[in-house]
Amino acid sequence: MSGYQNKKMRLSQLKVGSKGIVKEFTDLEMSIKLMEMGCLPGEEVKVERIAPMGDPIAINVAGYQLSLRMREASTIILL
């Protein structure tokens, strides 16, 4: 048995300039709001900016910039 663990990468863990593909959500209620704003499974997201105190973050998704709280970003699981 290898020591490899399949860890889920969350949007909240990305650094500025990093990209990921939305895979799924961990919060049903939040997922509905995020999907209405263009964060759909299969969509590429890129972290554009992180506020000086670390919250909120600005991401580029579906051709526009969206600001999310870290709590919201932590509900987005990436590929």
PDB file of N, CA and C in Angstrom:
ATOM      1  N   MET A   1       0.844  -1.186   0.000  1.00  0.00           N
ATOM      2  CA  MET A   1       0.000   0.000   0.000  1.00  0.00           C
ATOM      3  C   MET A   1       0.883   1.240   0.000  1.00  0.00           C
ATOM      4  N   SER A   2       0.631   2.142  -0.915  1.00  0.00           N
ATOM      5  CA  SER A   2       1.441   3.361  -0.993  1.00  0.00           C
ATOM      6  C   SER A   2       0.955   4.379   0.030  1.00  0.00           C
ATOM      7  N   GLY A   3       1.783   5.388   0.292  1.00  0.00           N
ATOM      8  CA  GLY A   3       1.427   6.435   1.237  1.00  0.00           C
ATOM      9  C   GLY A   3       0.645   7.559   0.598  1.00  0.00           C
ATOM     10  N   TYR A   4       0.196   7.362  -0.646  1.00  0.00           N
ATOM     11  CA  TYR A   4      -0.536   8.409  -1.366  1.00  0.00           C
ATOM     12  C   TYR A   4      -1.938   8.558  -0.817  1.00  0.00           C
ATOM     13  N   GLN A   5      -2.323   9.789  -0.536  1.00  0.00           N
ATOM     14  CA  GLN A   5      -3.690  10.069  -0.105  1.00  0.00           C
ATOM     15  C   GLN A   5      -4.325  10.982  -1.140  1.00  0.00           C
ATOM     16  N   ASN A   6      -5.558  10.694  -1.500  1.00  0.00           N
ATOM     17  CA  ASN A   6      -6.270  11.515  -2.468  1.00  0.00           C
ATOM     18  C   ASN A   6      -6.870  12.719  -1.747  1.00  0.00           C
ATOM     19  N   LYS A   7      -6.096  13.797  -1.648  1.00  0.00           N
ATOM     20  CA  LYS A   7      -6.549  15.005  -0.963  1.00  0.00           C
ATOM     21  C   LYS A   7      -7.311  15.890  -1.932  1.00  0.00           C
ATOM     22  N   LYS A   8      -8.416  16.437  -1.457  1.00  0.00           N
ATOM     23  CA  LYS A   8      -9.204  17.331  -2.291  1.00  0.00           C
ATOM     24  C   LYS A   8      -8.588  18.727  -2.253  1.00  0.00           C
ATOM     25  N   MET A   9      -8.338  19.293  -3.435  1.00  0.00           N
ATOM     26  CA  MET A   9      -7.826  20.662  -3.531  1.00  0.00           C
ATOM     27  C   MET A   9      -9.020  21.607  -3.569  1.00  0.00           C
ATOM     28  N   ARG A  10      -8.994  22.571  -2.688  1.00  0.00           N
ATOM     29  CA  ARG A  10     -10.080  23.553  -2.608  1.00  0.00           C
ATOM     30  C   ARG A  10      -9.625  24.875  -3.224  1.00  0.00           C
ATOM     31  N   LEU A  11     -10.573  25.614  -3.754  1.00  0.00           N
ATOM     32  CA  LEU A  11     -10.263  26.918  -4.345  1.00  0.00           C
ATOM     33  C   LEU A  11      -9.566  27.824  -3.332  1.00  0.00           C
ATOM     34  N   SER A  12      -9.938  27.734  -2.079  1.00  0.00           N
ATOM     35  CA  SER A  12      -9.346  28.572  -1.030  1.00  0.00           C
ATOM     36  C   SER A  12      -7.861  28.308  -0.827  1.00  0.00           C
ATOM     37  N   GLN A  13      -7.347  27.187  -1.348  1.00  0.00           N
ATOM     38  CA  GLN A  13      -5.939  26.830  -1.178  1.00  0.00           C
ATOM     39  C   GLN A  13      -5.042  27.354  -2.304  1.00  0.00           C
ATOM     40  N   LEU A  14      -5.625  27.853  -3.379  1.00  0.00           N
ATOM     41  CA  LEU A  14      -4.814  28.333  -4.502  1.00  0.00           C
ATOM     42  C   LEU A  14      -4.162  29.667  -4.193  1.00  0.00           C
ATOM     43  N   LYS A  15      -3.007  29.885  -4.789  1.00  0.00           N
ATOM     44  CA  LYS A  15      -2.279  31.145  -4.665  1.00  0.00           C
ATOM     45  C   LYS A  15      -2.616  32.035  -5.865  1.00  0.00           C
ATOM     46  N   VAL A  16      -2.259  33.306  -5.791  1.00  0.00           N
ATOM     47  CA  VAL A  16      -2.492  34.248  -6.894  1.00  0.00           C
ATOM     48  C   VAL A  16      -1.825  33.725  -8.162  1.00  0.00           C
ATOM     49  N   GLY A  17      -2.579  33.747  -9.264  1.00  0.00           N
ATOM     50  CA  GLY A  17      -2.077  33.283 -10.551  1.00  0.00           C
ATOM     51  C   GLY A  17      -2.341  31.813 -10.818  1.00  0.00           C
ATOM     52  N   SER A  18      -2.740  31.062  -9.801  1.00  0.00           N
ATOM     53  CA  SER A  18      -3.014  29.634  -9.965  1.00  0.00           C
ATOM     54  C   SER A  18      -4.399  29.409 -10.566  1.00  0.00           C
ATOM     55  N   LYS A  19      -4.521  28.288 -11.293  1.00  0.00           N
ATOM     56  CA  LYS A  19      -5.781  27.936 -11.942  1.00  0.00           C
ATOM     57  C   LYS A  19      -6.237  26.555 -11.499  1.00  0.00           C
ATOM     58  N   GLY A  20      -7.511  26.312 -11.675  1.00  0.00           N
ATOM     59  CA  GLY A  20      -8.077  25.007 -11.413  1.00  0.00           C
ATOM     60  C   GLY A  20      -9.380  24.859 -12.169  1.00  0.00           C
ATOM     61  N   ILE A  21      -9.886  23.644 -12.195  1.00  0.00           N
ATOM     62  CA  ILE A  21     -11.164  23.345 -12.829  1.00  0.00           C
ATOM     63  C   ILE A  21     -12.144  22.940 -11.731  1.00  0.00           C
ATOM     64  N   VAL A  22     -13.321  23.569 -11.727  1.00  0.00           N
ATOM     65  CA  VAL A  22     -14.330  23.242 -10.728  1.00  0.00           C
ATOM     66  C   VAL A  22     -14.776  21.794 -10.930  1.00  0.00           C
ATOM     67  N   LYS A  23     -14.700  21.011  -9.845  1.00  0.00           N
ATOM     68  CA  LYS A  23     -15.129  19.608  -9.884  1.00  0.00           C
ATOM     69  C   LYS A  23     -16.485  19.442  -9.213  1.00  0.00           C
ATOM     70  N   GLU A  24     -16.586  19.928  -7.966  1.00  0.00           N
ATOM     71  CA  GLU A  24     -17.807  19.745  -7.185  1.00  0.00           C
ATOM     72  C   GLU A  24     -17.833  20.735  -6.030  1.00  0.00           C
ATOM     73  N   PHE A  25     -18.899  20.669  -5.257  1.00  0.00           N
ATOM     74  CA  PHE A  25     -19.091  21.571  -4.120  1.00  0.00           C
ATOM     75  C   PHE A  25     -19.354  20.755  -2.860  1.00  0.00           C
ATOM     76  N   THR A  26     -19.009  21.316  -1.708  1.00  0.00           N
ATOM     77  CA  THR A  26     -19.239  20.615  -0.443  1.00  0.00           C
ATOM     78  C   THR A  26     -20.461  21.136   0.299  1.00  0.00           C
ATOM     79  N   ASP A  27     -21.054  22.232  -0.175  1.00  0.00           N
ATOM     80  CA  ASP A  27     -22.196  22.852   0.498  1.00  0.00           C
ATOM     81  C   ASP A  27     -23.297  23.057  -0.536  1.00  0.00           C
ATOM     82  N   LEU A  28     -24.410  22.346  -0.388  1.00  0.00           N
ATOM     83  CA  LEU A  28     -25.489  22.400  -1.369  1.00  0.00           C
ATOM     84  C   LEU A  28     -26.055  23.804  -1.543  1.00  0.00           C
ATOM     85  N   GLU A  29     -26.367  24.467  -0.443  1.00  0.00           N
ATOM     86  CA  GLU A  29     -26.948  25.814  -0.518  1.00  0.00           C
ATOM     87  C   GLU A  29     -25.983  26.788  -1.197  1.00  0.00           C
ATOM     88  N   MET A  30     -24.710  26.732  -0.819  1.00  0.00           N
ATOM     89  CA  MET A  30     -23.705  27.614  -1.412  1.00  0.00           C
ATOM     90  C   MET A  30     -23.492  27.259  -2.880  1.00  0.00           C
ATOM     91  N   SER A  31     -23.561  25.968  -3.219  1.00  0.00           N
ATOM     92  CA  SER A  31     -23.321  25.558  -4.600  1.00  0.00           C
ATOM     93  C   SER A  31     -24.336  26.171  -5.555  1.00  0.00           C
ATOM     94  N   ILE A  32     -25.573  26.289  -5.128  1.00  0.00           N
ATOM     95  CA  ILE A  32     -26.604  26.892  -5.981  1.00  0.00           C
ATOM     96  C   ILE A  32     -26.242  28.341  -6.280  1.00  0.00           C
ATOM     97  N   LYS A  33     -25.838  29.081  -5.250  1.00  0.00           N
ATOM     98  CA  LYS A  33     -25.443  30.488  -5.435  1.00  0.00           C
ATOM     99  C   LYS A  33     -24.224  30.595  -6.338  1.00  0.00           C
ATOM    100  N   LEU A  34     -23.236  29.735  -6.112  1.00  0.00           N
ATOM    101  CA  LEU A  34     -22.007  29.780  -6.917  1.00  0.00           C
ATOM    102  C   LEU A  34     -22.278  29.427  -8.372  1.00  0.00           C
ATOM    103  N   MET A  35     -23.130  28.437  -8.621  1.00  0.00           N
ATOM    104  CA  MET A  35     -23.443  28.060  -9.998  1.00  0.00           C
ATOM    105  C   MET A  35     -24.201  29.175 -10.711  1.00  0.00           C
ATOM    106  N   GLU A  36     -25.055  29.898  -9.989  1.00  0.00           N
ATOM    107  CA  GLU A  36     -25.758  31.040 -10.576  1.00  0.00           C
ATOM    108  C   GLU A  36     -24.780  32.135 -10.990  1.00  0.00           C
ATOM    109  N   MET A  37     -23.614  32.170 -10.338  1.00  0.00           N
ATOM    110  CA  MET A  37     -22.595  33.186 -10.652  1.00  0.00           C
ATOM    111  C   MET A  37     -21.551  32.672 -11.649  1.00  0.00           C
ATOM    112  N   GLY A  38     -21.763  31.488 -12.221  1.00  0.00           N
ATOM    113  CA  GLY A  38     -20.869  30.993 -13.253  1.00  0.00           C
ATOM    114  C   GLY A  38     -19.857  29.952 -12.812  1.00  0.00           C
ATOM    115  N   CYS A  39     -19.830  29.614 -11.541  1.00  0.00           N
ATOM    116  CA  CYS A  39     -18.901  28.581 -11.053  1.00  0.00           C
ATOM    117  C   CYS A  39     -19.538  27.211 -11.267  1.00  0.00           C
ATOM    118  N   LEU A  40     -19.504  26.751 -12.498  1.00  0.00           N
ATOM    119  CA  LEU A  40     -20.105  25.479 -12.861  1.00  0.00           C
ATOM    120  C   LEU A  40     -19.044  24.386 -12.917  1.00  0.00           C
ATOM    121  N   PRO A  41     -19.409  23.147 -12.621  1.00  0.00           N
ATOM    122  CA  PRO A  41     -18.450  22.054 -12.789  1.00  0.00           C
ATOM    123  C   PRO A  41     -17.899  22.055 -14.221  1.00  0.00           C
ATOM    124  N   GLY A  42     -16.578  21.907 -14.331  1.00  0.00           N
ATOM    125  CA  GLY A  42     -15.907  21.940 -15.633  1.00  0.00           C
ATOM    126  C   GLY A  42     -15.377  23.306 -16.008  1.00  0.00           C
ATOM    127  N   GLU A  43     -15.782  24.344 -15.303  1.00  0.00           N
ATOM    128  CA  GLU A  43     -15.351  25.721 -15.591  1.00  0.00           C
ATOM    129  C   GLU A  43     -13.972  25.982 -14.978  1.00  0.00           C
ATOM    130  N   GLU A  44     -13.101  26.643 -15.744  1.00  0.00           N
ATOM    131  CA  GLU A  44     -11.779  27.002 -15.223  1.00  0.00           C
ATOM    132  C   GLU A  44     -11.886  28.251 -14.360  1.00  0.00           C
ATOM    133  N   VAL A  45     -11.189  28.255 -13.237  1.00  0.00           N
ATOM    134  CA  VAL A  45     -11.121  29.422 -12.359  1.00  0.00           C
ATOM    135  C   VAL A  45      -9.656  29.792 -12.154  1.00  0.00           C
ATOM    136  N   LYS A  46      -9.404  31.078 -12.035  1.00  0.00           N
ATOM    137  CA  LYS A  46      -8.041  31.569 -11.789  1.00  0.00           C
ATOM    138  C   LYS A  46      -8.095  32.590 -10.667  1.00  0.00           C
ATOM    139  N   VAL A  47      -7.199  32.453  -9.699  1.00  0.00           N
ATOM    140  CA  VAL A  47      -7.130  33.414  -8.600  1.00  0.00           C
ATOM    141  C   VAL A  47      -6.387  34.647  -9.103  1.00  0.00           C
ATOM    142  N   GLU A  48      -7.075  35.778  -9.112  1.00  0.00           N
ATOM    143  CA  GLU A  48      -6.504  37.039  -9.585  1.00  0.00           C
ATOM    144  C   GLU A  48      -5.856  37.839  -8.459  1.00  0.00           C
ATOM    145  N   ARG A  49      -6.557  37.930  -7.322  1.00  0.00           N
ATOM    146  CA  ARG A  49      -6.059  38.723  -6.189  1.00  0.00           C
ATOM    147  C   ARG A  49      -6.540  38.121  -4.882  1.00  0.00           C
ATOM    148  N   ILE A  50      -5.749  38.377  -3.853  1.00  0.00           N
ATOM    149  CA  ILE A  50      -6.142  38.019  -2.492  1.00  0.00           C
ATOM    150  C   ILE A  50      -5.967  39.275  -1.647  1.00  0.00           C
ATOM    151  N   ALA A  51      -6.987  39.626  -0.887  1.00  0.00           N
ATOM    152  CA  ALA A  51      -6.933  40.832  -0.049  1.00  0.00           C
ATOM    153  C   ALA A  51      -5.761  40.725   0.934  1.00  0.00           C
ATOM    154  N   PRO A  52      -5.224  41.866   1.365  1.00  0.00           N
ATOM    155  CA  PRO A  52      -4.068  41.865   2.271  1.00  0.00           C
ATOM    156  C   PRO A  52      -4.253  41.010   3.527  1.00  0.00           C
ATOM    157  N   MET A  53      -5.434  40.950   4.061  1.00  0.00           N
ATOM    158  CA  MET A  53      -5.680  40.133   5.249  1.00  0.00           C
ATOM    159  C   MET A  53      -6.117  38.711   4.879  1.00  0.00           C
ATOM    160  N   GLY A  54      -6.093  38.383   3.583  1.00  0.00           N
ATOM    161  CA  GLY A  54      -6.404  37.036   3.130  1.00  0.00           C
ATOM    162  C   GLY A  54      -7.857  36.757   2.794  1.00  0.00           C
ATOM    163  N   ASP A  55      -8.724  37.731   2.972  1.00  0.00           N
ATOM    164  CA  ASP A  55     -10.146  37.521   2.721  1.00  0.00           C
ATOM    165  C   ASP A  55     -10.778  38.853   2.350  1.00  0.00           C
ATOM    166  N   PRO A  56     -11.460  39.008   1.234  1.00  0.00           N
ATOM    167  CA  PRO A  56     -11.866  38.004   0.250  1.00  0.00           C
ATOM    168  C   PRO A  56     -10.794  37.776  -0.814  1.00  0.00           C
ATOM    169  N   ILE A  57     -11.132  36.891  -1.760  1.00  0.00           N
ATOM    170  CA  ILE A  57     -10.270  36.668  -2.917  1.00  0.00           C
ATOM    171  C   ILE A  57     -11.050  37.033  -4.174  1.00  0.00           C
ATOM    172  N   ALA A  58     -10.330  37.434  -5.210  1.00  0.00           N
ATOM    173  CA  ALA A  58     -10.947  37.729  -6.507  1.00  0.00           C
ATOM    174  C   ALA A  58     -10.526  36.640  -7.474  1.00  0.00           C
ATOM    175  N   ILE A  59     -11.513  36.018  -8.111  1.00  0.00           N
ATOM    176  CA  ILE A  59     -11.225  34.977  -9.086  1.00  0.00           C
ATOM    177  C   ILE A  59     -11.786  35.372 -10.439  1.00  0.00           C
ATOM    178  N   ASN A  60     -11.203  34.822 -11.487  1.00  0.00           N
ATOM    179  CA  ASN A  60     -11.729  34.995 -12.835  1.00  0.00           C
ATOM    180  C   ASN A  60     -12.432  33.702 -13.184  1.00  0.00           C
ATOM    181  N   VAL A  61     -13.712  33.806 -13.523  1.00  0.00           N
ATOM    182  CA  VAL A  61     -14.508  32.635 -13.884  1.00  0.00           C
ATOM    183  C   VAL A  61     -15.536  33.057 -14.927  1.00  0.00           C
ATOM    184  N   ALA A  62     -15.706  32.247 -15.935  1.00  0.00           N
ATOM    185  CA  ALA A  62     -16.709  32.486 -16.983  1.00  0.00           C
ATOM    186  C   ALA A  62     -16.556  33.873 -17.615  1.00  0.00           C
ATOM    187  N   GLY A  63     -15.329  34.361 -17.710  1.00  0.00           N
ATOM    188  CA  GLY A  63     -15.073  35.630 -18.386  1.00  0.00           C
ATOM    189  C   GLY A  63     -15.263  36.886 -17.552  1.00  0.00           C
ATOM    190  N   TYR A  64     -15.481  36.740 -16.270  1.00  0.00           N
ATOM    191  CA  TYR A  64     -15.587  37.930 -15.422  1.00  0.00           C
ATOM    192  C   TYR A  64     -14.933  37.685 -14.076  1.00  0.00           C
ATOM    193  N   GLN A  65     -14.776  38.769 -13.300  1.00  0.00           N
ATOM    194  CA  GLN A  65     -14.130  38.661 -11.997  1.00  0.00           C
ATOM    195  C   GLN A  65     -15.189  38.589 -10.904  1.00  0.00           C
ATOM    196  N   LEU A  66     -14.981  37.660  -9.989  1.00  0.00           N
ATOM    197  CA  LEU A  66     -15.912  37.413  -8.903  1.00  0.00           C
ATOM    198  C   LEU A  66     -15.153  37.437  -7.587  1.00  0.00           C
ATOM    199  N   SER A  67     -15.696  38.121  -6.592  1.00  0.00           N
ATOM    200  CA  SER A  67     -15.084  38.136  -5.258  1.00  0.00           C
ATOM    201  C   SER A  67     -15.809  37.144  -4.370  1.00  0.00           C
ATOM    202  N   LEU A  68     -15.019  36.342  -3.656  1.00  0.00           N
ATOM    203  CA  LEU A  68     -15.569  35.337  -2.745  1.00  0.00           C
ATOM    204  C   LEU A  68     -14.887  35.425  -1.389  1.00  0.00           C
ATOM    205  N   ARG A  69     -15.633  35.168  -0.356  1.00  0.00           N
ATOM    206  CA  ARG A  69     -15.052  35.000   0.976  1.00  0.00           C
ATOM    207  C   ARG A  69     -14.328  33.659   1.000  1.00  0.00           C
ATOM    208  N   MET A  70     -13.334  33.524   1.848  1.00  0.00           N
ATOM    209  CA  MET A  70     -12.593  32.270   1.938  1.00  0.00           C
ATOM    210  C   MET A  70     -13.523  31.117   2.320  1.00  0.00           C
ATOM    211  N   ARG A  71     -14.504  31.372   3.156  1.00  0.00           N
ATOM    212  CA  ARG A  71     -15.464  30.336   3.540  1.00  0.00           C
ATOM    213  C   ARG A  71     -16.201  29.818   2.305  1.00  0.00           C
ATOM    214  N   GLU A  72     -16.580  30.732   1.412  1.00  0.00           N
ATOM    215  CA  GLU A  72     -17.261  30.339   0.175  1.00  0.00           C
ATOM    216  C   GLU A  72     -16.313  29.571  -0.747  1.00  0.00           C
ATOM    217  N   ALA A  73     -15.082  30.079  -0.891  1.00  0.00           N
ATOM    218  CA  ALA A  73     -14.097  29.435  -1.764  1.00  0.00           C
ATOM    219  C   ALA A  73     -13.723  28.043  -1.261  1.00  0.00           C
ATOM    220  N   SER A  74     -13.803  27.827   0.035  1.00  0.00           N
ATOM    221  CA  SER A  74     -13.437  26.518   0.590  1.00  0.00           C
ATOM    222  C   SER A  74     -14.474  25.446   0.261  1.00  0.00           C
ATOM    223  N   THR A  75     -15.649  25.832  -0.215  1.00  0.00           N
ATOM    224  CA  THR A  75     -16.687  24.859  -0.574  1.00  0.00           C
ATOM    225  C   THR A  75     -16.532  24.378  -2.019  1.00  0.00           C
ATOM    226  N   ILE A  76     -15.590  24.954  -2.778  1.00  0.00           N
ATOM    227  CA  ILE A  76     -15.385  24.578  -4.180  1.00  0.00           C
ATOM    228  C   ILE A  76     -14.190  23.613  -4.272  1.00  0.00           C
ATOM    229  N   ILE A  77     -14.460  22.404  -4.722  1.00  0.00           N
ATOM    230  CA  ILE A  77     -13.433  21.384  -4.899  1.00  0.00           C
ATOM    231  C   ILE A  77     -12.967  21.428  -6.359  1.00  0.00           C
ATOM    232  N   LEU A  78     -11.650  21.409  -6.554  1.00  0.00           N
ATOM    233  CA  LEU A  78     -11.070  21.503  -7.890  1.00  0.00           C
ATOM    234  C   LEU A  78     -10.484  20.173  -8.348  1.00  0.00           C
ATOM    235  N   LEU A  79     -10.358  20.016  -9.663  1.00  0.00           N
ATOM    236  CA  LEU A  79      -9.682  18.858 -10.245  1.00  0.00           C
ATOM    237  C   LEU A  79      -8.192  19.056 -10.111  1.00  0.00           C
TER     238      LEU A  79
END
